[in-house]
Amino acid sequence: MPLGRIVKPIKTPRSEAEEDRRFVNALARGLDVLRCFERAERWLPNQEIARRTSLPKATVSRLTYTLTTLGYLEHSPEREMYALGLPVLGLGFKVLSHFEMGRIVRPFMQALADEAQAAVSLAVRSGGWVVYVTHCRSDAPLTLGLDVGARLSLTRSAIGRAVLFSLDESTSDKALASLRAEAPHEWEQGQAGLQEARESFTRRGVVFSMPGADIGAAAVTLDPGDGRECFGLNCGGPASIMTPARLAQIAPRLLDTANRMERAIRSEN
């Protein structure tokens, strides 16, 4: 499968789109229900879904019934809760299976992971978040527990900040507004050290994890050269091992890996 240019739909802020007669509110609300499930949890009651989506309980009840009927949710009568169904997972795996770039970059990522005795991940932006799409671990006993599909905010993670700083001003403003509306705590907590991180990215092309974070990571961007937004590439592990000094040593190797990955991607374009 060639890495041709991907034509992306023009994204419009939700508040503006809802005024368009082509916008289907029922569909949007159904997707809101599916998105409110976090990675670390399985079952949610209607009441919690209503709280997370800010939808009326009666509306949530109809949506969860419909999604359950279609198989996108599973219902547990004993718990009176809902969980994501296999068709939702299937949609995600179909997207990842077509992620051709993963085939190209994994050897470079694995080599870095083995050398640094750490975890190396590639992520793409989704609204105010970044999502891991490729992940490689070393054989070190302690590495990151995150894997493909993990979602991190643009402001609180090194890889998210690297992607954020690569965006043009208009796109950046929209992404931050989306994050602030969806997860105000993530947005607020992510303001600490944001300017210093931007300066580091401008000077060195590298962003480091926030001081005091449980995870120590260095992150850079990767430009596929086909018109898409930059990807984020990080290398990290437990902060007790990935100290600032250790990350400073890894940073040049991370930048070199990103450069070689870019050349490999563009050679197949």
Protein backbone atom coordinates (compact mmCIF):
# COMPACT_ATOMS: atom_id res chain seq x y z
CA MET A 1 0.00 0.00 0.00
CA PRO A 2 1.68 3.25 -1.12
CA LEU A 3 2.00 6.20 1.21
CA GLY A 4 0.07 8.61 -0.96
CA ARG A 5 -1.31 11.90 0.28
CA ILE A 6 -4.29 11.43 2.55
CA VAL A 7 -7.08 13.90 1.92
CA LYS A 8 -8.54 14.88 5.28
CA PRO A 9 -11.99 16.39 5.79
CA ILE A 10 -12.03 19.98 6.93
CA LYS A 11 -12.72 19.96 10.64
CA THR A 12 -15.18 22.53 11.93
CA PRO A 13 -15.61 23.43 15.61
CA ARG A 14 -18.52 21.44 17.07
CA SER A 15 -20.49 24.54 18.07
CA GLU A 16 -20.40 25.84 14.49
CA ALA A 17 -21.08 22.48 12.88
CA GLU A 18 -24.21 21.91 14.96
CA GLU A 19 -25.82 24.88 13.23
CA ASP A 20 -25.31 23.27 9.82
CA ARG A 21 -28.35 21.35 8.55
CA ARG A 22 -26.03 18.56 7.38
CA PHE A 23 -24.90 17.91 10.96
CA VAL A 24 -26.66 14.88 12.48
CA ASN A 25 -26.93 15.52 16.22
CA ALA A 26 -28.11 12.00 17.04
CA LEU A 27 -25.03 10.49 15.41
CA ALA A 28 -22.73 12.96 17.16
CA ARG A 29 -24.28 12.15 20.51
CA GLY A 30 -23.93 8.43 19.91
CA LEU A 31 -20.23 8.90 19.20
CA ASP A 32 -19.94 11.03 22.35
CA VAL A 33 -21.23 8.05 24.33
CA LEU A 34 -18.62 5.73 22.81
CA ARG A 35 -15.82 8.22 23.43
CA CYS A 36 -16.55 8.64 27.11
CA PHE A 37 -15.12 5.20 27.96
CA GLU A 38 -11.56 5.47 29.26
CA ARG A 39 -8.82 2.93 28.60
CA ALA A 40 -8.53 1.72 32.19
CA GLU A 41 -12.24 1.06 32.75
CA ARG A 42 -14.74 -1.35 31.26
CA TRP A 43 -18.23 -0.77 32.67
CA LEU A 44 -20.14 2.50 33.03
CA PRO A 45 -23.73 3.14 34.18
CA ASN A 46 -26.07 5.48 32.29
CA GLN A 47 -25.76 8.03 35.07
CA GLU A 48 -21.99 8.31 34.66
CA ILE A 49 -22.28 8.40 30.85
CA ALA A 50 -24.78 11.25 31.20
CA ARG A 51 -22.38 13.12 33.48
CA ARG A 52 -19.44 12.73 31.11
CA THR A 53 -21.35 13.64 27.97
CA SER A 54 -23.54 16.36 29.57
CA LEU A 55 -26.54 14.74 27.91
CA PRO A 56 -29.96 14.26 29.56
CA LYS A 57 -30.36 10.85 31.21
CA ALA A 58 -33.35 10.03 29.00
CA THR A 59 -31.28 10.75 25.89
CA VAL A 60 -28.42 8.61 27.17
CA SER A 61 -30.83 5.76 27.90
CA ARG A 62 -32.08 5.79 24.29
CA LEU A 63 -28.55 6.02 22.91
CA THR A 64 -27.16 3.17 25.00
CA TYR A 65 -30.17 1.00 24.06
CA THR A 66 -29.60 1.71 20.35
CA LEU A 67 -25.84 1.14 20.55
CA THR A 68 -26.41 -2.10 22.46
CA THR A 69 -28.90 -3.28 19.84
CA LEU A 70 -26.30 -2.62 17.12
CA GLY A 71 -23.57 -4.37 19.09
CA TYR A 72 -21.41 -1.32 19.76
CA LEU A 73 -22.13 -1.60 23.48
CA GLU A 74 -22.58 -4.59 25.75
CA HIS A 75 -25.16 -4.45 28.54
CA SER A 76 -24.87 -6.17 31.91
CA PRO A 77 -28.33 -6.44 33.53
CA GLU A 78 -26.73 -7.49 36.83
CA ARG A 79 -24.50 -4.43 36.97
CA GLU A 80 -26.93 -2.16 35.12
CA MET A 81 -23.88 -0.94 33.20
CA TYR A 82 -22.51 -0.78 29.68
CA ALA A 83 -19.17 -1.66 28.09
CA LEU A 84 -17.70 -1.17 24.61
CA GLY A 85 -18.58 -4.03 22.28
CA LEU A 86 -16.30 -5.90 19.90
CA PRO A 87 -17.48 -3.99 16.78
CA VAL A 88 -15.98 -0.80 18.24
CA LEU A 89 -12.65 -2.56 18.75
CA GLY A 90 -12.92 -3.93 15.24
CA LEU A 91 -13.19 -0.44 13.80
CA GLY A 92 -10.04 0.60 15.63
CA PHE A 93 -8.08 -2.44 14.53
CA LYS A 94 -9.12 -1.86 10.90
CA VAL A 95 -7.64 1.63 11.07
CA LEU A 96 -4.44 0.39 12.66
CA SER A 97 -4.12 -2.46 10.17
CA HIS A 98 -3.98 0.10 7.37
CA PHE A 99 -1.37 2.16 9.15
CA GLU A 100 1.32 1.35 6.61
CA MET A 101 3.79 3.74 8.14
CA GLY A 102 4.03 1.46 11.15
CA ARG A 103 5.67 -1.21 8.99
CA ILE A 104 8.32 1.26 7.88
CA VAL A 105 9.15 2.85 11.22
CA ARG A 106 9.02 -0.08 13.62
CA PRO A 107 12.60 -1.32 12.92
CA PHE A 108 13.97 2.15 13.74
CA MET A 109 11.82 2.41 16.86
CA GLN A 110 12.75 -1.05 18.09
CA ALA A 111 16.46 -0.34 17.61
CA LEU A 112 16.16 2.80 19.72
CA ALA A 113 14.10 1.02 22.37
CA ASP A 114 16.73 -1.72 22.65
CA GLU A 115 19.60 0.76 22.77
CA ALA A 116 17.96 3.03 25.35
CA GLN A 117 16.39 0.13 27.28
CA ALA A 118 13.15 2.04 27.19
CA ALA A 119 9.82 2.29 25.40
CA VAL A 120 9.45 4.16 22.10
CA SER A 121 6.07 5.30 20.76
CA LEU A 122 4.66 7.07 17.71
CA ALA A 123 1.49 9.12 18.11
CA VAL A 124 -0.95 11.15 16.01
CA ARG A 125 -3.13 14.04 17.11
CA SER A 126 -6.85 13.61 17.67
CA GLY A 127 -8.47 16.86 18.79
CA GLY A 128 -6.78 17.96 22.00
CA TRP A 129 -5.06 14.61 22.49
CA VAL A 130 -2.44 12.38 20.93
CA VAL A 131 -3.03 8.66 20.42
CA TYR A 132 -0.31 6.01 20.27
CA VAL A 133 -0.39 4.21 16.93
CA THR A 134 2.89 2.27 17.13
CA HIS A 135 4.74 1.15 20.25
CA CYS A 136 8.01 -0.73 20.83
CA ARG A 137 9.47 -1.97 24.11
CA SER A 138 12.92 -3.15 25.09
CA ASP A 139 13.49 -6.25 27.19
CA ALA A 140 14.15 -4.10 30.27
CA PRO A 141 12.09 -5.28 33.26
CA LEU A 142 10.63 -1.81 33.83
CA THR A 143 9.16 -0.02 30.82
CA LEU A 144 6.05 2.03 30.12
CA GLY A 145 2.74 0.22 30.51
CA LEU A 146 1.07 2.29 27.79
CA ASP A 147 0.47 0.68 24.42
CA VAL A 148 -1.20 1.27 21.05
CA GLY A 149 -4.44 3.18 21.57
CA ALA A 150 -3.26 5.03 24.69
CA ARG A 151 -4.43 8.64 24.71
CA LEU A 152 -2.42 11.51 26.22
CA SER A 153 -3.27 15.20 26.40
CA LEU A 154 -1.49 17.75 24.24
CA THR A 155 -0.46 19.78 27.26
CA ARG A 156 0.60 17.31 29.97
CA SER A 157 2.70 14.83 28.00
CA ALA A 158 6.05 15.40 26.31
CA ILE A 159 4.85 13.79 23.09
CA GLY A 160 1.65 15.82 23.16
CA ARG A 161 3.54 19.06 23.64
CA ALA A 162 5.91 18.24 20.79
CA VAL A 163 2.96 17.75 18.46
CA LEU A 164 1.25 20.88 19.81
CA PHE A 165 4.29 23.05 19.12
CA SER A 166 4.47 21.80 15.53
CA LEU A 167 0.95 23.06 14.73
CA ASP A 168 0.17 26.39 13.12
CA GLU A 169 -1.42 28.97 15.42
CA SER A 170 -5.01 28.47 14.21
CA THR A 171 -4.88 24.69 14.51
CA SER A 172 -3.15 24.92 17.88
CA ASP A 173 -5.81 27.28 19.24
CA LYS A 174 -8.61 24.95 18.12
CA ALA A 175 -6.88 21.89 19.57
CA LEU A 176 -6.37 23.59 22.94
CA ALA A 177 -9.96 24.85 22.96
CA SER A 178 -11.15 21.30 22.31
CA LEU A 179 -9.03 19.95 25.18
CA ARG A 180 -10.16 22.69 27.55
CA ALA A 181 -13.81 21.97 26.79
CA GLU A 182 -13.46 18.19 27.08
CA ALA A 183 -10.96 17.93 29.94
CA PRO A 184 -10.47 21.25 31.75
CA HIS A 185 -8.31 19.62 34.42
CA GLU A 186 -5.88 18.29 31.80
CA TRP A 187 -5.74 21.71 30.17
CA GLU A 188 -5.20 23.56 33.46
CA GLN A 189 -2.56 21.17 34.80
CA GLY A 190 -0.76 21.28 31.49
CA GLN A 191 -0.08 25.01 31.68
CA ALA A 192 2.82 24.44 34.10
CA GLY A 193 6.13 24.69 32.25
CA LEU A 194 4.44 25.00 28.87
CA GLN A 195 6.44 28.05 27.77
CA GLU A 196 9.74 26.48 28.86
CA ALA A 197 8.86 23.36 26.91
CA ARG A 198 8.09 25.47 23.83
CA GLU A 199 11.48 27.18 24.13
CA SER A 200 13.20 23.79 24.38
CA PHE A 201 11.38 22.62 21.26
CA THR A 202 12.32 25.80 19.40
CA ARG A 203 15.99 25.62 20.40
CA ARG A 204 16.65 21.89 20.33
CA GLY A 205 13.66 20.24 18.65
CA VAL A 206 13.07 18.17 21.79
CA VAL A 207 10.48 18.31 24.58
CA PHE A 208 11.00 16.66 27.96
CA SER A 209 8.41 15.40 30.43
CA MET A 210 7.10 17.72 33.13
CA PRO A 211 9.14 17.93 36.36
CA GLY A 212 7.79 15.59 39.01
CA ALA A 213 6.03 13.33 36.49
CA ASP A 214 6.00 9.57 37.11
CA ILE A 215 7.19 9.02 33.54
CA GLY A 216 10.45 10.40 32.21
CA ALA A 217 10.32 10.97 28.47
CA ALA A 218 11.86 12.93 25.63
CA ALA A 219 9.78 13.63 22.53
CA VAL A 220 10.30 15.01 19.03
CA THR A 221 8.19 15.35 15.90
CA LEU A 222 8.27 13.42 12.67
CA ASP A 223 7.13 15.00 9.39
CA PRO A 224 5.92 12.34 6.90
CA GLY A 225 6.31 14.88 4.09
CA ASP A 226 2.93 14.22 2.47
CA GLY A 227 0.88 17.09 3.84
CA ARG A 228 -0.25 15.42 7.03
CA GLU A 229 0.37 16.93 10.45
CA CYS A 230 3.57 15.92 12.20
CA PHE A 231 3.57 12.76 14.28
CA GLY A 232 5.02 12.65 17.77
CA LEU A 233 7.86 10.28 18.64
CA ASN A 234 8.94 9.68 22.23
CA CYS A 235 11.34 7.57 24.24
CA GLY A 236 10.76 7.05 27.93
CA GLY A 237 10.26 4.94 31.00
CA PRO A 238 9.88 5.25 34.75
CA ALA A 239 11.18 8.61 35.99
CA SER A 240 13.43 6.81 38.47
CA ILE A 241 15.39 5.42 35.53
CA MET A 242 14.76 8.01 32.84
CA THR A 243 16.27 10.91 34.78
CA PRO A 244 16.80 14.35 33.18
CA ALA A 245 20.48 13.48 32.67
CA ARG A 246 19.62 10.19 31.00
CA LEU A 247 17.02 11.85 28.77
CA ALA A 248 19.54 14.50 27.73
CA GLN A 249 21.80 11.68 26.53
CA ILE A 250 18.96 10.01 24.62
CA ALA A 251 17.70 13.21 22.95
CA PRO A 252 20.29 13.36 20.10
CA ARG A 253 19.68 9.69 19.30
CA LEU A 254 15.93 10.32 19.28
CA LEU A 255 16.34 13.21 16.85
CA ASP A 256 18.55 11.09 14.61
CA THR A 257 16.01 8.26 14.66
CA ALA A 258 13.22 10.65 13.65
CA ASN A 259 15.33 11.97 10.77
CA ARG A 260 16.09 8.48 9.49
CA MET A 261 12.43 7.50 9.81
CA GLU A 262 11.42 10.54 7.76
CA ARG A 263 13.86 9.59 4.99
CA ALA A 264 12.58 6.02 4.95
CA ILE A 265 8.94 7.15 4.75
CA ARG A 266 9.59 9.63 1.96
CA SER A 267 11.60 7.11 -0.03
CA GLU A 268 8.49 4.95 -0.27
CA ASN A 269 6.17 7.84 -1.03
